Protein backbone atom coordinates (compact mmCIF):
# COMPACT_ATOMS: atom_id res chain seq x y z
CA MET A 1 -88.82 -59.33 -33.31
CA PRO A 2 -87.81 -55.82 -32.26
CA VAL A 3 -88.48 -55.13 -28.57
CA ILE A 4 -90.06 -51.68 -28.74
CA THR A 5 -89.21 -49.27 -25.92
CA PRO A 6 -89.35 -45.44 -25.83
CA SER A 7 -85.69 -45.17 -26.84
CA TYR A 8 -85.80 -47.80 -29.59
CA PHE A 9 -86.06 -45.33 -32.48
CA THR A 10 -83.29 -43.10 -31.13
CA ASP A 11 -80.71 -45.89 -30.95
CA SER A 12 -78.56 -46.04 -34.09
CA ARG A 13 -77.89 -49.78 -33.77
CA CYS A 14 -81.60 -50.59 -33.43
CA ARG A 15 -82.39 -48.41 -36.44
CA GLN A 16 -79.69 -50.05 -38.54
CA GLU A 17 -80.93 -53.51 -37.65
CA LEU A 18 -84.58 -52.68 -38.38
CA THR A 19 -83.59 -51.13 -41.72
CA LEU A 20 -81.78 -54.35 -42.70
CA PHE A 21 -84.84 -56.45 -41.87
CA LEU A 22 -87.19 -54.13 -43.79
CA GLU A 23 -84.91 -54.29 -46.84
CA ARG A 24 -84.79 -58.08 -46.57
CA GLU A 25 -88.59 -58.23 -46.45
CA CYS A 26 -88.73 -56.14 -49.61
CA GLN A 27 -86.25 -58.44 -51.37
CA LEU A 28 -88.40 -61.46 -50.50
CA GLY A 29 -91.64 -59.75 -51.47
CA ARG A 30 -93.02 -60.22 -47.95
CA ASN A 31 -94.57 -57.90 -45.37
CA ASP A 32 -95.06 -60.28 -42.45
CA LEU A 33 -91.56 -61.11 -41.25
CA ILE A 34 -91.27 -58.41 -38.58
CA LEU A 35 -93.24 -58.89 -35.37
CA PRO A 36 -92.88 -55.97 -32.91
CA LEU A 37 -93.00 -56.81 -29.22
CA LEU A 38 -94.35 -53.96 -27.07
CA TYR A 39 -93.16 -53.82 -23.48
CA LEU A 40 -93.65 -50.13 -22.75
CA PRO A 41 -96.08 -47.54 -24.17
CA THR A 42 -94.19 -45.87 -27.02
CA PRO A 43 -95.37 -42.38 -28.05
CA ARG A 44 -93.96 -42.73 -31.56
CA ARG A 45 -96.51 -45.38 -32.40
CA GLN A 46 -99.65 -43.46 -31.37
CA PRO A 47 -100.10 -41.74 -33.76
CA PRO A 48 -97.32 -42.81 -36.19
CA HIS A 49 -94.38 -40.43 -36.08
CA THR A 50 -92.93 -38.75 -39.16
CA ASP A 51 -89.99 -41.09 -38.68
CA PRO A 52 -90.35 -43.67 -41.52
CA LEU A 53 -89.14 -46.54 -39.34
CA ALA A 54 -91.65 -45.73 -36.61
CA ALA A 55 -94.35 -45.47 -39.27
CA ALA A 56 -93.37 -48.88 -40.69
CA ILE A 57 -93.59 -50.48 -37.25
CA ALA A 58 -96.95 -48.82 -36.58
CA THR A 59 -98.47 -50.66 -39.56
CA ARG A 60 -97.53 -54.07 -38.14
CA THR A 61 -99.64 -56.22 -35.87
CA ALA A 62 -97.66 -56.17 -32.65
CA GLU A 63 -97.60 -58.51 -29.67
CA ASP A 64 -98.68 -56.23 -26.82
CA TRP A 65 -97.01 -57.24 -23.56
CA THR A 66 -97.40 -53.89 -21.81
CA ALA A 67 -99.98 -55.37 -19.42
CA LEU A 68 -97.52 -58.10 -18.44
CA ARG A 69 -94.80 -55.82 -17.11
CA HIS A 70 -95.83 -56.39 -13.51
CA ALA A 71 -96.81 -60.05 -13.91
CA ALA A 72 -94.68 -62.87 -12.56
CA MET A 73 -92.68 -64.55 -15.29
CA ASN A 74 -94.18 -67.93 -14.40
CA SER A 75 -97.78 -66.70 -14.39
CA PRO A 76 -100.40 -68.23 -16.74
CA ASP A 77 -100.81 -64.89 -18.56
CA VAL A 78 -97.12 -64.75 -19.43
CA HIS A 79 -97.13 -68.41 -20.50
CA ASN A 80 -100.14 -67.78 -22.76
CA ALA A 81 -98.45 -64.73 -24.28
CA ILE A 82 -95.32 -66.76 -25.04
CA GLU A 83 -97.47 -69.48 -26.63
CA ARG A 84 -99.18 -66.89 -28.87
CA LEU A 85 -95.77 -65.54 -29.85
CA ALA A 86 -94.53 -69.02 -30.73
CA THR A 87 -97.67 -69.59 -32.83
CA HIS A 88 -96.96 -66.42 -34.83
CA ILE A 89 -93.36 -67.50 -35.43
CA LEU A 90 -94.40 -71.01 -36.49
CA ALA A 91 -96.97 -69.60 -38.90
CA ALA A 92 -94.33 -67.36 -40.50
CA LEU A 93 -91.97 -70.33 -40.90
CA ASN A 94 -94.72 -72.41 -42.49
CA ARG A 95 -95.41 -69.61 -44.98
CA VAL A 96 -91.71 -69.49 -45.87
CA GLN A 97 -91.58 -73.27 -46.41
CA SER A 98 -94.75 -73.17 -48.50
CA ALA A 99 -93.38 -70.38 -50.68
CA THR A 100 -90.08 -72.25 -51.14
CA SER A 101 -91.91 -75.43 -52.14
CA GLU A 102 -94.00 -73.55 -54.73
CA ARG A 103 -90.90 -71.85 -56.11
CA PHE A 104 -89.23 -75.15 -56.97
CA THR A 105 -92.36 -76.94 -58.16
CA GLY A 106 -93.14 -76.32 -61.82
CA THR A 107 -94.17 -77.95 -65.08
CA PRO A 108 -91.34 -79.99 -66.60
CA PRO A 109 -90.43 -79.36 -70.27
CA ALA A 110 -92.45 -81.31 -72.83
CA SER A 111 -90.85 -84.39 -74.36
CA GLY A 112 -88.17 -83.39 -76.85
CA GLU A 113 -88.25 -79.74 -75.76
CA THR A 114 -84.81 -78.22 -75.17
CA LEU A 115 -83.63 -75.10 -73.42
CA SER A 116 -82.59 -72.20 -75.61
CA GLU A 117 -79.01 -70.90 -75.40
CA SER A 118 -80.19 -67.89 -73.43
CA THR A 119 -81.63 -70.08 -70.68
CA VAL A 120 -78.67 -72.42 -70.22
CA VAL A 121 -77.66 -72.53 -66.57
CA GLU A 122 -74.42 -70.61 -65.83
CA SER A 123 -71.47 -72.96 -65.99
CA GLY A 124 -70.04 -71.77 -62.69
CA ARG A 125 -67.33 -69.38 -63.86
CA LEU A 126 -66.23 -67.40 -60.82
CA ASN A 127 -63.70 -64.57 -61.06
CA ALA A 128 -63.78 -63.52 -57.39
CA PRO A 129 -65.06 -64.96 -54.10
CA MET A 130 -68.65 -64.11 -53.25
CA LEU A 131 -69.71 -62.83 -49.82
CA PRO A 132 -73.02 -64.27 -48.55
CA VAL A 133 -75.44 -61.57 -47.42
CA VAL A 134 -75.68 -63.06 -43.93
CA GLU A 135 -71.89 -62.82 -43.61
CA ALA A 136 -72.03 -59.17 -44.62
CA GLN A 137 -74.45 -58.54 -41.77
CA ARG A 138 -72.20 -60.37 -39.32
CA LEU A 139 -69.26 -58.34 -40.57
CA LEU A 140 -71.11 -55.10 -39.80
CA THR A 141 -71.98 -56.38 -36.33
CA CYS A 142 -68.33 -57.23 -35.67
CA ALA A 143 -67.22 -53.84 -36.98
CA ASP A 144 -69.13 -52.14 -34.14
CA ALA A 145 -66.60 -53.63 -31.69
CA VAL A 146 -63.54 -52.26 -33.54
CA ALA A 147 -62.01 -48.88 -32.69
CA LEU A 148 -59.37 -46.48 -33.94
CA VAL A 149 -56.68 -45.86 -31.31
CA SER A 150 -55.21 -42.33 -31.30
CA ILE A 151 -52.08 -41.79 -29.19
CA GLY A 152 -50.14 -38.60 -28.49
CA GLN A 153 -46.46 -38.99 -27.67
CA PHE A 154 -45.40 -37.58 -24.29
CA GLU A 155 -41.79 -37.11 -23.24
CA ARG A 156 -41.05 -36.17 -19.62
CA GLY A 157 -44.63 -35.04 -19.25
CA GLN A 158 -44.64 -32.81 -22.33
CA LEU A 159 -46.82 -33.51 -25.37
CA LYS A 160 -44.79 -33.80 -28.57
CA PRO A 161 -46.05 -33.06 -32.10
CA LYS A 162 -45.89 -36.74 -33.06
CA ARG A 163 -49.14 -38.71 -33.14
CA SER A 164 -49.59 -42.41 -33.80
CA THR A 165 -52.58 -44.65 -34.44
CA GLY A 166 -53.55 -48.27 -34.15
CA THR A 167 -56.60 -50.48 -33.86
CA ALA A 168 -58.33 -52.01 -30.82
CA TRP A 169 -61.33 -54.27 -30.31
CA LEU A 170 -63.70 -55.13 -27.48
CA ILE A 171 -63.28 -58.45 -25.71
CA THR A 172 -65.91 -57.41 -23.11
CA PRO A 173 -68.15 -54.33 -23.26
CA ASP A 174 -65.55 -52.22 -21.41
CA LEU A 175 -62.26 -54.10 -21.96
CA ALA A 176 -60.36 -53.70 -25.22
CA LEU A 177 -57.27 -55.41 -26.62
CA THR A 178 -54.60 -53.68 -28.67
CA CYS A 179 -50.83 -53.94 -29.09
CA TRP A 180 -48.46 -52.76 -26.38
CA HIS A 181 -46.34 -50.96 -28.99
CA VAL A 182 -49.45 -48.96 -29.99
CA VAL A 183 -49.97 -47.48 -26.50
CA HIS A 184 -46.18 -47.23 -26.04
CA GLY A 185 -46.21 -44.80 -28.96
CA ARG A 186 -42.58 -45.23 -30.03
CA GLY A 187 -41.05 -46.44 -33.27
CA MET A 188 -38.57 -49.28 -33.61
CA PHE A 189 -35.55 -46.95 -33.53
CA GLU A 190 -36.80 -44.56 -30.84
CA ASP A 191 -35.85 -44.67 -27.18
CA LYS A 192 -38.14 -46.56 -24.84
CA ALA A 193 -40.75 -44.37 -23.16
CA ARG A 194 -40.67 -43.76 -19.42
CA THR A 195 -43.42 -45.52 -17.46
CA LYS A 196 -44.91 -42.19 -16.35
CA ASP A 197 -45.03 -40.98 -19.95
CA VAL A 198 -46.83 -44.15 -21.04
CA ASP A 199 -49.35 -43.63 -18.24
CA THR A 200 -49.89 -40.06 -19.44
CA GLN A 201 -50.32 -41.24 -23.02
CA VAL A 202 -52.95 -43.74 -21.89
CA GLU A 203 -54.71 -40.99 -19.91
CA HIS A 204 -55.01 -38.88 -23.08
CA CYS A 205 -55.63 -41.75 -25.51
CA LEU A 206 -58.87 -41.86 -27.50
CA LEU A 207 -60.68 -44.93 -28.82
CA THR A 208 -63.10 -44.09 -31.62
CA PHE A 209 -65.78 -46.67 -32.46
CA ASN A 210 -67.92 -46.66 -35.64
CA PHE A 211 -65.35 -44.50 -37.44
CA THR A 212 -66.64 -45.50 -40.86
CA GLU A 213 -66.17 -42.12 -42.57
CA VAL A 214 -64.65 -38.74 -41.81
CA GLY A 215 -66.66 -37.04 -39.07
CA ALA A 216 -68.34 -40.25 -37.86
CA GLY A 217 -67.72 -42.21 -34.68
CA THR A 218 -68.01 -42.21 -30.89
CA ASP A 219 -64.99 -41.44 -28.68
CA TYR A 220 -64.11 -43.06 -25.37
CA ILE A 221 -61.16 -42.41 -23.09
CA LEU A 222 -59.26 -45.03 -21.12
CA GLU A 223 -59.37 -45.63 -17.39
CA ARG A 224 -56.13 -47.60 -17.24
CA ILE A 225 -54.07 -50.47 -18.56
CA GLU A 226 -55.33 -53.56 -16.75
CA CYS A 227 -52.78 -56.07 -18.00
CA ALA A 228 -49.97 -56.00 -20.57
CA GLU A 229 -46.90 -57.72 -21.97
CA ARG A 230 -44.61 -54.69 -22.18
CA ASN A 231 -42.34 -56.09 -24.86
CA SER A 232 -43.02 -55.68 -28.57
CA SER A 233 -40.84 -58.71 -29.32
CA GLY A 234 -42.94 -60.86 -26.99
CA LEU A 235 -46.72 -61.12 -26.78
CA ASP A 236 -46.98 -57.35 -27.37
CA TYR A 237 -50.50 -56.86 -25.99
CA ALA A 238 -52.26 -54.33 -23.77
CA LEU A 239 -55.64 -54.98 -22.17
CA VAL A 240 -57.21 -51.59 -21.41
CA ARG A 241 -60.31 -50.53 -19.48
CA LEU A 242 -62.60 -47.96 -21.11
CA ARG A 243 -64.41 -45.21 -19.23
CA ASP A 244 -68.17 -45.41 -19.74
CA ARG A 245 -70.34 -42.63 -21.16
CA PRO A 246 -73.93 -42.06 -19.97
CA ASP A 247 -74.99 -40.95 -23.45
CA HIS A 248 -73.37 -43.96 -25.18
CA PRO A 249 -73.33 -46.81 -22.61
CA LEU A 250 -70.69 -49.44 -23.25
CA ALA A 251 -73.19 -52.10 -22.14
CA GLN A 252 -74.93 -51.61 -25.49
CA ARG A 253 -71.81 -52.71 -27.38
CA GLN A 254 -71.39 -56.34 -28.29
CA PRO A 255 -67.79 -57.57 -27.94
CA LEU A 256 -66.16 -59.84 -30.47
CA ILE A 257 -66.37 -63.54 -29.73
CA ILE A 258 -63.06 -65.33 -29.29
CA GLU A 259 -62.03 -68.87 -30.24
CA PRO A 260 -58.43 -69.27 -29.06
CA GLU A 261 -58.30 -73.01 -29.80
CA ALA A 262 -59.70 -72.84 -33.34
CA PRO A 263 -57.80 -75.20 -35.68
CA LEU A 264 -56.25 -73.43 -38.67
CA THR A 265 -55.07 -74.93 -41.96
CA ALA A 266 -54.10 -73.64 -45.40
CA ILE A 267 -57.78 -73.44 -46.38
CA SER A 268 -58.76 -71.33 -43.34
CA GLU A 269 -60.10 -67.94 -44.45
CA LEU A 270 -59.14 -65.00 -42.24
CA TYR A 271 -60.45 -61.44 -42.08
CA ILE A 272 -58.93 -58.35 -40.46
CA MET A 273 -60.97 -55.22 -39.64
CA GLN A 274 -58.56 -52.34 -39.26
CA HIS A 275 -57.86 -48.60 -39.33
CA PRO A 276 -54.87 -48.40 -41.71
CA ARG A 277 -52.89 -45.18 -41.20
CA GLY A 278 -55.69 -43.85 -39.01
CA GLN A 279 -58.24 -44.01 -41.83
CA PRO A 280 -61.92 -45.04 -41.49
CA SER A 281 -62.45 -48.75 -40.85
CA GLN A 282 -61.57 -51.15 -43.65
CA GLY A 283 -61.40 -54.90 -44.05
CA ALA A 284 -58.98 -57.30 -45.69
CA ASP A 285 -59.41 -60.95 -46.73
CA GLY A 286 -56.66 -63.52 -46.63
CA HIS A 287 -55.65 -67.05 -45.70
CA PHE A 288 -53.75 -68.69 -42.89
CA VAL A 289 -50.18 -69.66 -43.83
CA ARG A 290 -48.43 -71.19 -40.81
CA ARG A 291 -47.79 -71.13 -37.06
CA LEU A 292 -44.29 -70.48 -35.80
CA ALA A 293 -42.39 -73.08 -33.81
CA ASN A 294 -43.23 -71.52 -30.44
CA ASP A 295 -46.93 -71.50 -31.42
CA GLN A 296 -47.24 -67.90 -30.17
CA ARG A 297 -47.40 -66.31 -33.60
CA LEU A 298 -49.04 -67.07 -36.92
CA HIS A 299 -48.67 -65.77 -40.46
CA TYR A 300 -51.33 -64.92 -43.05
CA THR A 301 -51.80 -63.27 -46.44
CA ASN A 302 -54.18 -60.44 -45.41
CA PRO A 303 -53.04 -56.97 -46.57
CA THR A 304 -52.03 -54.75 -43.62
CA THR A 305 -50.10 -51.53 -43.05
CA GLU A 306 -49.25 -48.97 -40.35
CA GLY A 307 -52.23 -48.49 -38.05
CA THR A 308 -53.40 -52.09 -38.39
CA SER A 309 -51.52 -53.17 -35.26
CA GLY A 310 -53.93 -54.34 -32.57
CA SER A 311 -56.60 -55.52 -35.01
CA ALA A 312 -58.53 -58.72 -34.40
CA VAL A 313 -57.79 -61.56 -36.81
CA LEU A 314 -61.06 -63.42 -37.35
CA VAL A 315 -61.66 -66.82 -38.89
CA ARG A 316 -64.55 -67.07 -41.34
CA PRO A 317 -67.37 -67.96 -41.58
CA ARG A 318 -67.79 -68.11 -37.79
CA TRP A 319 -66.28 -64.64 -37.32
CA ARG A 320 -64.37 -65.64 -34.19
CA VAL A 321 -61.10 -64.01 -33.08
CA VAL A 322 -58.06 -66.30 -33.28
CA ALA A 323 -55.21 -63.78 -33.12
CA MET A 324 -54.26 -60.11 -32.77
CA HIS A 325 -52.31 -58.49 -35.61
CA HIS A 326 -49.04 -56.88 -34.57
CA GLY A 327 -46.75 -56.56 -37.61
CA ALA A 328 -45.28 -58.26 -40.65
CA THR A 329 -42.57 -60.80 -41.41
CA PRO A 330 -39.09 -59.29 -41.97
CA ASP A 331 -39.46 -59.56 -45.74
CA THR A 332 -43.04 -58.13 -45.47
CA THR A 333 -44.38 -61.15 -47.39
CA TYR A 334 -46.93 -62.04 -44.73
CA GLY A 335 -48.76 -60.40 -41.88
CA GLU A 336 -47.94 -61.62 -38.39
CA GLY A 337 -50.32 -61.99 -35.47
CA ILE A 338 -50.06 -63.01 -31.83
CA ALA A 339 -52.04 -66.19 -31.18
CA LEU A 340 -54.98 -65.33 -28.93
CA ARG A 341 -54.42 -68.56 -27.02
CA SER A 342 -51.03 -67.26 -25.83
CA ILE A 343 -52.48 -63.88 -24.85
CA MET A 344 -55.30 -65.45 -22.85
CA GLN A 345 -52.88 -67.79 -21.08
CA ASN A 346 -50.73 -64.82 -20.11
CA ILE A 347 -53.72 -62.86 -18.80
CA GLN A 348 -54.79 -65.90 -16.79
CA HIS A 349 -51.30 -66.15 -15.31
CA GLN A 350 -51.00 -62.43 -14.46
CA ARG A 351 -54.59 -61.58 -13.51
CA ARG A 352 -56.88 -64.50 -12.82
CA ASP A 353 -59.71 -62.08 -11.96
CA LEU A 354 -59.51 -60.41 -15.37
CA TYR A 355 -59.40 -63.75 -17.13
CA GLU A 356 -62.58 -64.85 -15.33
CA GLU A 357 -64.25 -61.52 -16.14
CA ILE A 358 -63.51 -62.00 -19.83
CA MET A 359 -64.57 -65.63 -19.93
CA GLU A 360 -67.83 -64.88 -18.09
CA VAL A 361 -68.79 -62.50 -20.90
CA GLN A 362 -67.48 -64.80 -23.63
CA ARG A 363 -69.51 -67.74 -22.32
CA THR A 364 -72.65 -65.62 -22.76
CA PRO A 365 -71.64 -63.17 -25.54
CA TYR A 366 -75.02 -61.44 -25.69
CA ARG A 367 -75.30 -61.04 -21.92
CA SER A 368 -74.54 -57.31 -21.77
CA LEU A 369 -77.10 -56.35 -24.41
CA ILE A 370 -79.81 -58.51 -22.87
CA PHE A 371 -79.04 -57.09 -19.44
CA TRP A 372 -79.31 -53.54 -20.79
CA ALA A 373 -82.59 -54.32 -22.60
CA LEU A 374 -84.18 -56.02 -19.61
CA ASN A 375 -83.25 -53.17 -17.30
CA GLU A 376 -84.72 -50.62 -19.70
CA ILE A 377 -87.90 -52.65 -19.84
CA ALA A 378 -88.07 -52.95 -16.05
CA SER A 379 -87.06 -49.36 -15.20
CA PRO A 380 -90.65 -48.11 -14.57
CA LEU A 381 -90.92 -50.67 -11.77
CA GLY A 382 -88.40 -48.73 -9.69
CA THR A 383 -84.78 -49.33 -8.80
CA GLU A 384 -85.57 -51.99 -6.22
CA LYS A 385 -87.39 -54.09 -8.84
CA ARG A 386 -84.95 -53.73 -11.75
CA LEU A 387 -84.33 -57.11 -13.31
CA ARG A 388 -81.22 -59.04 -12.47
CA PHE A 389 -79.72 -61.16 -15.20
CA ALA A 390 -79.73 -64.14 -12.84
CA ASP A 391 -83.53 -64.02 -12.65
CA HIS A 392 -85.17 -66.64 -14.83
CA SER A 393 -86.87 -64.65 -17.54
CA PRO A 394 -88.16 -65.92 -20.91
CA LEU A 395 -86.19 -63.14 -22.56
CA GLU A 396 -82.86 -64.25 -21.11
CA ALA A 397 -82.42 -66.78 -23.88
CA THR A 398 -83.18 -64.21 -26.57
CA ARG A 399 -80.18 -63.07 -28.56
CA PHE A 400 -81.03 -59.38 -28.54
CA ARG A 401 -79.00 -58.53 -31.64
CA GLU A 402 -80.69 -61.26 -33.68
CA VAL A 403 -84.37 -60.83 -32.77
């Protein structure tokens, strides 16, 4: 159910999502699985724009809620509109169940009739793991929260020719985690950077999101380091605050969801989204191997290299962050990550306010996107009437990225 607003067709994430749903409809041979919800008059629908996505939406029977913008959320009109919406959804589900039932109901073979060799069911031979389509979509959603970190090395205030890269990821819409040694910008055998030089490096650091190919991506600069463990042999993390952009609001970005206490065993599948050697984003599968005695670090089989440091280590199929990659074992047999549980405990100890800020977002992971959508919907009402997330609205429970 795309919520159609004037800027819907100009937003790359909305377009990508709608394209995925249209393709899925085509695969299923259906044309009734997308139900547009109109909240504001949208010029691109009347008449249909040359944009193919706008044209596709214009052919659908939409739920028109434009007349309800000024109505109280507990009014009978709003309740009736929600009931009609629920009826449409239920009807679509019933059609899916009916089609599934028909698909698996057929005429059994006649007595004595056997299947030919060409119709024998595949025996199950599997040469490589398969990736469910729904997981692929979740992977793409998670990838939007991963960024390339580009650092210039400063020495006594002067920029040096050396550049280094790493990976960072959003834990809230404007807070990102990466490794301390990434922002420190020094190799293992180089002298430690002066504090002022590190501050200058952070000031000139760039985080590039959606860097999927050369020339693609959106850059953000950093406001400051909010919290860090300034020791690469320790927890080796840096929590940084991003500076917002009016043309690409951070509130539209969905952070990764964390699960610090997730149990891990030898059968736990892990995934790392990374920018190896500063290249466009790539992913690597692997398995959990072990936790170290201090429980702060864990090892895994995922392929990694320079530039992977700072990447989120996610457990599949829930796609939750359990660790942050920071290096490899001395013999390079396994990758090594810092347990997210240890990082979060350290943040809580150093900056209780930051910990609460993170957990508030993590408890409602879609909060920022819903807040942005509701405010865009309510903007014609004037600043004094813009919706607050605390208001009880039927849309509050809607997971904006999944409608």
